[in-house]
């Protein structure tokens, strides 16, 4: 069984017992969070597609950790002009564990 859910504007294919990295959530570590924007539900070969979401379906997940991703270097340069800018960026993520899929 798997679902396709929308979390913070991104779509994820999720299964029970798996952990995922999503954009930073405001919940504390150890809290349970529910996501109700389930776009597709597949259960033992039966596929239910939502219009736009599947009614009554939701995902229950536990927040495991808040962390940052790898550093990405952003370098801009204009030839022959002496313009150089170097910036770094680290995206904030939340690691969640899917505990249950309710439908």
N, C-alpha and C. Protein backbone atom coordinates (compact mmCIF):
# COMPACT_ATOMS: atom_id res chain seq x y z
N UNK A 1 0.83 -1.17 0.00
CA UNK A 1 0.00 0.00 0.00
C UNK A 1 0.88 1.24 0.00
N UNK A 2 0.54 2.21 -0.85
CA UNK A 2 1.24 3.47 -0.85
C UNK A 2 0.27 4.59 -1.18
N UNK A 3 0.69 5.81 -0.85
CA UNK A 3 -0.11 6.99 -1.17
C UNK A 3 0.80 8.04 -1.78
N UNK A 4 0.20 8.94 -2.53
CA UNK A 4 0.91 10.12 -2.98
C UNK A 4 0.26 11.29 -2.27
N UNK A 5 1.05 12.00 -1.46
CA UNK A 5 0.54 13.09 -0.64
C UNK A 5 1.29 14.37 -0.94
N UNK A 6 0.60 15.49 -0.70
CA UNK A 6 1.21 16.80 -0.88
C UNK A 6 1.52 17.38 0.49
N UNK A 7 2.80 17.69 0.70
CA UNK A 7 3.26 18.26 1.96
C UNK A 7 4.08 19.50 1.63
N UNK A 8 3.64 20.64 2.09
CA UNK A 8 4.34 21.92 1.90
C UNK A 8 4.62 22.20 0.42
N UNK A 9 3.65 21.88 -0.44
CA UNK A 9 3.77 22.19 -1.85
C UNK A 9 4.52 21.16 -2.67
N UNK A 10 5.03 20.09 -2.06
CA UNK A 10 5.73 19.04 -2.79
C UNK A 10 4.96 17.73 -2.66
N UNK A 11 5.05 16.89 -3.69
CA UNK A 11 4.37 15.60 -3.68
C UNK A 11 5.36 14.50 -3.34
N UNK A 12 4.94 13.58 -2.46
CA UNK A 12 5.78 12.48 -2.01
C UNK A 12 5.01 11.17 -2.16
N UNK A 13 5.69 10.12 -2.62
CA UNK A 13 5.13 8.78 -2.62
C UNK A 13 5.53 8.15 -1.28
N UNK A 14 4.55 7.83 -0.45
CA UNK A 14 4.83 7.39 0.92
C UNK A 14 4.27 6.00 1.18
N UNK A 15 5.01 5.26 2.01
CA UNK A 15 4.58 3.95 2.47
C UNK A 15 4.70 3.90 3.98
N UNK A 16 3.92 3.03 4.60
CA UNK A 16 3.94 2.88 6.05
C UNK A 16 5.29 2.34 6.51
N UNK A 17 5.86 2.94 7.56
CA UNK A 17 7.13 2.48 8.12
C UNK A 17 8.35 3.12 7.51
N UNK A 18 8.19 3.95 6.49
CA UNK A 18 9.33 4.60 5.83
C UNK A 18 9.53 6.00 6.41
N UNK A 19 10.78 6.50 6.34
CA UNK A 19 11.06 7.86 6.79
C UNK A 19 11.38 8.73 5.57
N UNK A 20 11.01 10.02 5.69
CA UNK A 20 11.16 10.95 4.57
C UNK A 20 11.67 12.29 5.09
N UNK A 21 12.35 13.03 4.21
CA UNK A 21 12.79 14.38 4.50
C UNK A 21 11.85 15.34 3.79
N UNK A 22 11.17 16.20 4.56
CA UNK A 22 10.27 17.21 4.01
C UNK A 22 10.77 18.58 4.45
N UNK A 23 10.22 19.63 3.84
CA UNK A 23 10.60 20.98 4.26
C UNK A 23 10.26 21.17 5.73
N UNK A 24 10.97 22.08 6.38
CA UNK A 24 10.86 22.28 7.83
C UNK A 24 9.41 22.47 8.26
N UNK A 25 9.00 21.68 9.27
CA UNK A 25 7.66 21.76 9.85
C UNK A 25 7.74 22.44 11.21
N UNK A 26 6.68 23.13 11.64
CA UNK A 26 6.73 23.85 12.93
C UNK A 26 6.59 22.95 14.16
N UNK A 27 6.28 21.67 14.00
CA UNK A 27 6.10 20.77 15.14
C UNK A 27 7.43 20.44 15.81
N UNK A 28 7.35 20.09 17.09
CA UNK A 28 8.54 19.71 17.86
C UNK A 28 8.88 18.24 17.59
N UNK A 29 10.11 17.86 17.96
CA UNK A 29 10.57 16.48 17.80
C UNK A 29 9.74 15.58 18.72
N UNK A 30 9.24 14.48 18.18
CA UNK A 30 8.43 13.54 18.95
C UNK A 30 6.93 13.74 18.77
N UNK A 31 6.50 14.86 18.24
CA UNK A 31 5.07 15.11 18.04
C UNK A 31 4.56 14.31 16.84
N UNK A 32 3.26 14.04 16.86
CA UNK A 32 2.60 13.35 15.75
C UNK A 32 1.90 14.41 14.92
N UNK A 33 2.09 14.34 13.60
CA UNK A 33 1.48 15.30 12.67
C UNK A 33 0.66 14.52 11.66
N UNK A 34 -0.50 15.08 11.29
CA UNK A 34 -1.39 14.44 10.31
C UNK A 34 -1.42 15.25 9.03
N UNK A 35 -1.35 14.56 7.90
CA UNK A 35 -1.43 15.18 6.58
C UNK A 35 -2.69 14.65 5.91
N UNK A 36 -3.58 15.57 5.48
CA UNK A 36 -4.83 15.13 4.89
C UNK A 36 -4.93 15.40 3.39
N UNK A 37 -3.88 15.91 2.77
CA UNK A 37 -3.88 16.14 1.32
C UNK A 37 -3.33 14.90 0.61
N UNK A 38 -4.14 13.85 0.58
CA UNK A 38 -3.78 12.61 -0.10
C UNK A 38 -4.35 12.67 -1.51
N UNK A 39 -3.47 12.66 -2.52
CA UNK A 39 -3.89 12.79 -3.91
C UNK A 39 -4.21 11.46 -4.56
N UNK A 40 -3.55 10.38 -4.13
CA UNK A 40 -3.76 9.06 -4.72
C UNK A 40 -3.56 8.01 -3.64
N UNK A 41 -4.36 6.96 -3.67
CA UNK A 41 -4.27 5.88 -2.70
C UNK A 41 -4.28 4.56 -3.45
N UNK A 42 -3.27 3.71 -3.19
CA UNK A 42 -3.20 2.39 -3.81
C UNK A 42 -3.21 1.36 -2.69
N UNK A 43 -4.24 0.49 -2.69
CA UNK A 43 -4.38 -0.52 -1.65
C UNK A 43 -4.68 -1.86 -2.30
N UNK A 44 -3.69 -2.76 -2.28
CA UNK A 44 -3.82 -4.11 -2.82
C UNK A 44 -4.36 -4.12 -4.26
N UNK A 45 -3.82 -3.25 -5.10
CA UNK A 45 -4.21 -3.20 -6.49
C UNK A 45 -5.34 -2.25 -6.81
N UNK A 46 -6.10 -1.83 -5.80
CA UNK A 46 -7.18 -0.87 -6.02
C UNK A 46 -6.62 0.54 -5.93
N UNK A 47 -6.78 1.31 -7.00
CA UNK A 47 -6.25 2.67 -7.05
C UNK A 47 -7.41 3.65 -6.95
N UNK A 48 -7.28 4.58 -5.99
CA UNK A 48 -8.27 5.64 -5.82
C UNK A 48 -7.59 6.96 -6.08
N UNK A 49 -8.09 7.69 -7.07
CA UNK A 49 -7.53 8.99 -7.42
C UNK A 49 -8.48 10.05 -6.89
N UNK A 50 -7.94 11.03 -6.18
CA UNK A 50 -8.75 12.09 -5.61
C UNK A 50 -9.08 13.17 -6.62
N UNK A 51 -10.16 13.90 -6.31
CA UNK A 51 -10.55 15.03 -7.16
C UNK A 51 -10.78 16.26 -6.30
N UNK A 52 -9.86 17.00 -5.85
CA UNK A 52 -8.41 16.84 -5.99
C UNK A 52 -7.80 15.96 -4.91
N UNK A 53 -8.52 15.70 -3.78
CA UNK A 53 -7.97 14.84 -2.73
C UNK A 53 -8.92 13.68 -2.48
N UNK A 54 -8.38 12.61 -1.88
CA UNK A 54 -9.18 11.44 -1.53
C UNK A 54 -9.90 11.74 -0.22
N UNK A 55 -11.23 11.62 -0.22
CA UNK A 55 -12.02 11.92 0.98
C UNK A 55 -11.76 10.90 2.08
N UNK A 56 -11.50 11.37 3.29
CA UNK A 56 -11.32 10.51 4.45
C UNK A 56 -9.94 9.90 4.60
N UNK A 57 -9.06 10.12 3.65
CA UNK A 57 -7.71 9.54 3.73
C UNK A 57 -6.76 10.55 4.36
N UNK A 58 -5.92 10.05 5.26
CA UNK A 58 -4.89 10.91 5.86
C UNK A 58 -3.71 10.07 6.29
N UNK A 59 -2.60 10.75 6.53
CA UNK A 59 -1.35 10.11 6.92
C UNK A 59 -0.98 10.59 8.31
N UNK A 60 -0.65 9.66 9.18
CA UNK A 60 -0.18 9.99 10.52
C UNK A 60 1.31 9.73 10.58
N UNK A 61 2.09 10.78 10.91
CA UNK A 61 3.55 10.65 10.91
C UNK A 61 4.13 11.25 12.19
N UNK A 62 5.29 10.77 12.58
CA UNK A 62 5.98 11.25 13.78
C UNK A 62 7.22 12.03 13.35
N UNK A 63 7.42 13.19 13.98
CA UNK A 63 8.60 14.01 13.68
C UNK A 63 9.80 13.41 14.40
N UNK A 64 10.83 13.03 13.63
CA UNK A 64 12.01 12.42 14.21
C UNK A 64 13.12 13.42 14.50
N UNK A 65 13.34 14.39 13.59
CA UNK A 65 14.49 15.28 13.74
C UNK A 65 14.33 16.49 12.84
N UNK A 66 14.97 17.58 13.25
CA UNK A 66 15.10 18.78 12.41
C UNK A 66 16.58 18.90 12.06
N UNK A 67 16.90 19.07 10.78
CA UNK A 67 18.29 19.14 10.37
C UNK A 67 18.43 19.99 9.12
N UNK A 68 19.67 20.20 8.69
CA UNK A 68 19.95 20.97 7.49
C UNK A 68 20.58 20.07 6.44
N UNK A 69 20.33 20.40 5.18
CA UNK A 69 20.88 19.64 4.08
C UNK A 69 22.31 20.04 3.79
N UNK A 70 22.87 19.49 2.73
CA UNK A 70 24.23 19.80 2.31
C UNK A 70 24.31 21.24 1.81
N UNK A 71 25.49 21.82 1.91
CA UNK A 71 25.69 23.19 1.45
C UNK A 71 25.75 23.24 -0.07
N UNK A 72 25.05 24.22 -0.62
CA UNK A 72 25.04 24.46 -2.06
C UNK A 72 25.71 25.81 -2.28
N UNK A 73 26.72 25.85 -3.14
CA UNK A 73 27.45 27.08 -3.44
C UNK A 73 26.79 27.75 -4.65
N UNK A 74 26.46 29.03 -4.49
CA UNK A 74 25.90 29.83 -5.58
C UNK A 74 26.96 30.86 -5.96
N UNK A 75 27.49 30.76 -7.18
CA UNK A 75 28.55 31.65 -7.64
C UNK A 75 28.09 32.37 -8.90
N UNK A 76 28.14 33.70 -8.87
CA UNK A 76 27.74 34.51 -10.02
C UNK A 76 28.95 35.32 -10.49
N UNK A 77 29.09 35.44 -11.81
CA UNK A 77 30.23 36.17 -12.37
C UNK A 77 29.82 36.79 -13.70
N UNK A 78 30.30 38.00 -13.93
CA UNK A 78 30.14 38.66 -15.22
C UNK A 78 31.54 38.81 -15.83
N UNK A 79 31.72 38.30 -17.03
CA UNK A 79 33.03 38.37 -17.68
C UNK A 79 33.43 39.82 -17.92
N UNK A 80 34.69 40.09 -17.74
CA UNK A 80 35.33 41.37 -18.08
C UNK A 80 34.78 42.56 -17.29
N UNK A 81 34.00 42.32 -16.26
CA UNK A 81 33.41 43.42 -15.51
C UNK A 81 33.93 43.47 -14.06
N UNK A 82 34.60 42.43 -13.61
CA UNK A 82 35.10 42.40 -12.24
C UNK A 82 34.01 42.08 -11.21
N UNK A 83 32.90 41.51 -11.65
CA UNK A 83 31.77 41.21 -10.77
C UNK A 83 31.81 39.74 -10.40
N UNK A 84 31.99 39.47 -9.11
CA UNK A 84 31.97 38.09 -8.60
C UNK A 84 31.26 38.09 -7.26
N UNK A 85 30.30 37.17 -7.09
CA UNK A 85 29.57 37.02 -5.83
C UNK A 85 29.50 35.53 -5.52
N UNK A 86 29.87 35.19 -4.29
CA UNK A 86 29.82 33.80 -3.85
C UNK A 86 28.94 33.71 -2.60
N UNK A 87 27.89 32.89 -2.67
CA UNK A 87 26.99 32.67 -1.55
C UNK A 87 26.83 31.18 -1.32
N UNK A 88 26.51 30.82 -0.08
CA UNK A 88 26.21 29.44 0.27
C UNK A 88 24.80 29.34 0.82
N UNK A 89 24.21 28.15 0.71
CA UNK A 89 22.85 27.95 1.19
C UNK A 89 22.72 26.53 1.72
N UNK A 90 22.06 26.39 2.90
CA UNK A 90 21.73 25.08 3.45
C UNK A 90 20.24 25.04 3.73
N UNK A 91 19.51 24.14 3.08
CA UNK A 91 18.07 24.03 3.23
C UNK A 91 17.73 23.33 4.55
N UNK A 92 16.70 23.81 5.24
CA UNK A 92 16.23 23.20 6.49
C UNK A 92 15.21 22.10 6.17
N UNK A 93 15.39 20.94 6.79
CA UNK A 93 14.52 19.80 6.58
C UNK A 93 14.00 19.26 7.89
N UNK A 94 12.91 18.50 7.82
CA UNK A 94 12.37 17.75 8.94
C UNK A 94 12.28 16.30 8.51
N UNK A 95 12.79 15.40 9.35
CA UNK A 95 12.71 13.97 9.06
C UNK A 95 11.48 13.42 9.76
N UNK A 96 10.57 12.80 8.96
CA UNK A 96 9.35 12.24 9.53
C UNK A 96 9.30 10.74 9.26
N UNK A 97 8.60 10.02 10.14
CA UNK A 97 8.37 8.58 10.00
C UNK A 97 6.88 8.35 9.84
N UNK A 98 6.48 7.72 8.75
CA UNK A 98 5.06 7.44 8.50
C UNK A 98 4.65 6.28 9.38
N UNK A 99 3.76 6.55 10.35
CA UNK A 99 3.30 5.52 11.27
C UNK A 99 2.05 4.79 10.79
N UNK A 100 1.14 5.54 10.14
CA UNK A 100 -0.12 4.92 9.74
C UNK A 100 -0.72 5.66 8.56
N UNK A 101 -1.40 4.91 7.70
CA UNK A 101 -2.15 5.48 6.59
C UNK A 101 -3.62 5.12 6.82
N UNK A 102 -4.44 6.14 7.02
CA UNK A 102 -5.84 5.93 7.36
C UNK A 102 -6.68 6.25 6.12
N UNK A 103 -7.58 5.33 5.75
CA UNK A 103 -8.44 5.57 4.59
C UNK A 103 -9.82 5.02 4.84
